[in-house]
Structures are given as C-alpha cells and as structure tokens.
Amino acid sequence: MAIEPDPHLSMVHDVTPSTPEGCEECLLLGSPWVHLRLCLTCGHVGCCDSSPLKHARSHAYAEQHPIVEPLEAGETWRWCYAHEAMA
C-alpha cells in the first residue's frame, strides 16, 4: 500500500520569516513562547502548541495555511495542522 503525499504540500513556497526574532503575536503581546513554527505558505512566525497561546495553530486555521516547519536550527520536519500529521 502506497502512502499518498499530503495534498497541502502544494501550498508550500519559499518563504522568508516575517519576524525571525520570535512569534509575531507574542512579540506584540509581550508573551513568552517555547518553540517557533514557520508557515510555509506566507512566512508567518508563530509559537508552537507547547507555548501558552499556540499562535502557529491559530494562524494555520485562520488563514488556511496548514503546513509549518520548525524555525529551529537543525530541525527539518514539517507538520500539517489540517491532518494532524507529519507532512
């Protein structure tokens, strides 16, 4: 049985992080974050689900941009919020 690639991968683009220094919303709010996630559709930087406000997930659902990757050196995985699975 072949594994089908995530259909949302077609939304992935070469992006530049909008706020490489941290989570866009947390920076505005003065809120802490744990890890950063980069939206691979538009370059939004949001905080991960371990962070208090989970801005990466909120962005994924609000903008319908489901694929993110870590904005951490040495990490190369991708996550699809729509399928709750590695992409």
Protein backbone atom coordinates (compact mmCIF):
# COMPACT_ATOMS: atom_id res chain seq x y z
CA MET A 1 0.00 0.00 0.00
CA ALA A 2 1.48 3.33 -1.10
CA ILE A 3 1.40 6.33 1.19
CA GLU A 4 -0.07 9.37 -0.51
CA PRO A 5 1.75 12.68 -0.01
CA ASP A 6 -0.10 15.36 1.93
CA PRO A 7 -2.19 17.34 -0.58
CA HIS A 8 -1.43 20.56 1.32
CA LEU A 9 2.23 20.34 0.29
CA SER A 10 1.19 22.16 -2.90
CA MET A 11 0.76 25.26 -0.68
CA VAL A 12 4.44 25.25 0.33
CA HIS A 13 6.52 28.14 -1.02
CA ASP A 14 9.98 29.55 -0.48
CA VAL A 15 9.29 31.98 2.34
CA THR A 16 11.18 34.42 4.49
CA PRO A 17 10.27 34.53 8.19
CA SER A 18 8.19 37.67 8.85
CA THR A 19 9.60 38.02 12.38
CA PRO A 20 12.72 35.83 12.68
CA GLU A 21 13.29 37.17 16.20
CA GLY A 22 10.17 35.47 17.58
CA CYS A 23 6.46 34.76 17.41
CA GLU A 24 4.76 37.70 15.69
CA GLU A 25 1.80 37.85 18.08
CA CYS A 26 3.79 37.10 21.24
CA LEU A 27 6.20 39.92 20.42
CA LEU A 28 3.25 42.34 20.22
CA LEU A 29 1.69 40.99 23.42
CA GLY A 30 4.89 40.55 25.41
CA SER A 31 4.02 36.88 25.89
CA PRO A 32 6.58 34.05 26.18
CA TRP A 33 6.84 31.17 23.73
CA VAL A 34 8.52 27.75 23.78
CA HIS A 35 9.36 26.95 20.14
CA LEU A 36 8.72 28.75 16.85
CA ARG A 37 6.95 27.45 13.75
CA LEU A 38 7.31 28.93 10.27
CA CYS A 39 4.26 28.96 7.99
CA LEU A 40 5.44 27.58 4.66
CA THR A 41 2.71 29.40 2.74
CA CYS A 42 3.32 33.01 3.83
CA GLY A 43 6.30 33.17 6.24
CA HIS A 44 4.32 33.92 9.41
CA VAL A 45 6.24 33.01 12.56
CA GLY A 46 4.07 31.62 15.36
CA CYS A 47 4.60 29.81 18.63
CA CYS A 48 4.14 26.05 18.98
CA ASP A 49 1.42 24.09 20.75
CA SER A 50 3.61 23.84 23.87
CA SER A 51 3.50 27.63 24.12
CA PRO A 52 0.74 29.28 26.17
CA LEU A 53 -1.02 30.95 23.21
CA LYS A 54 -0.38 28.49 20.32
CA HIS A 55 -0.23 31.18 17.64
CA ALA A 56 1.09 28.90 14.87
CA ARG A 57 -2.01 26.70 15.15
CA SER A 58 -4.30 29.75 15.27
CA HIS A 59 -2.68 31.15 12.13
CA ALA A 60 -2.95 27.80 10.32
CA TYR A 61 -6.71 27.64 10.91
CA ALA A 62 -7.50 31.35 10.45
CA GLU A 63 -5.55 31.69 7.20
CA GLN A 64 -5.94 28.10 5.97
CA HIS A 65 -2.15 27.74 5.79
CA PRO A 66 -1.71 24.26 7.30
CA ILE A 67 1.97 23.40 6.70
CA VAL A 68 4.68 24.59 9.10
CA GLU A 69 8.24 23.70 9.91
CA PRO A 70 10.31 24.49 12.99
CA LEU A 71 12.23 27.74 13.00
CA GLU A 72 14.97 25.99 14.97
CA ALA A 73 18.45 25.21 13.69
CA GLY A 74 18.94 21.56 12.76
CA GLU A 75 15.24 20.59 12.65
CA THR A 76 13.90 19.63 9.22
CA TRP A 77 10.44 18.12 9.74
CA ARG A 78 7.11 19.55 8.52
CA TRP A 79 3.69 19.39 10.18
CA CYS A 80 0.21 19.64 8.65
CA TYR A 81 -2.33 21.10 11.10
CA ALA A 82 -5.21 20.07 8.82
CA HIS A 83 -4.26 16.38 9.03
CA GLU A 84 -2.53 16.50 12.44
CA ALA A 85 0.37 14.60 10.89
CA MET A 86 3.89 14.96 9.58
CA ALA A 87 3.89 16.31 6.05
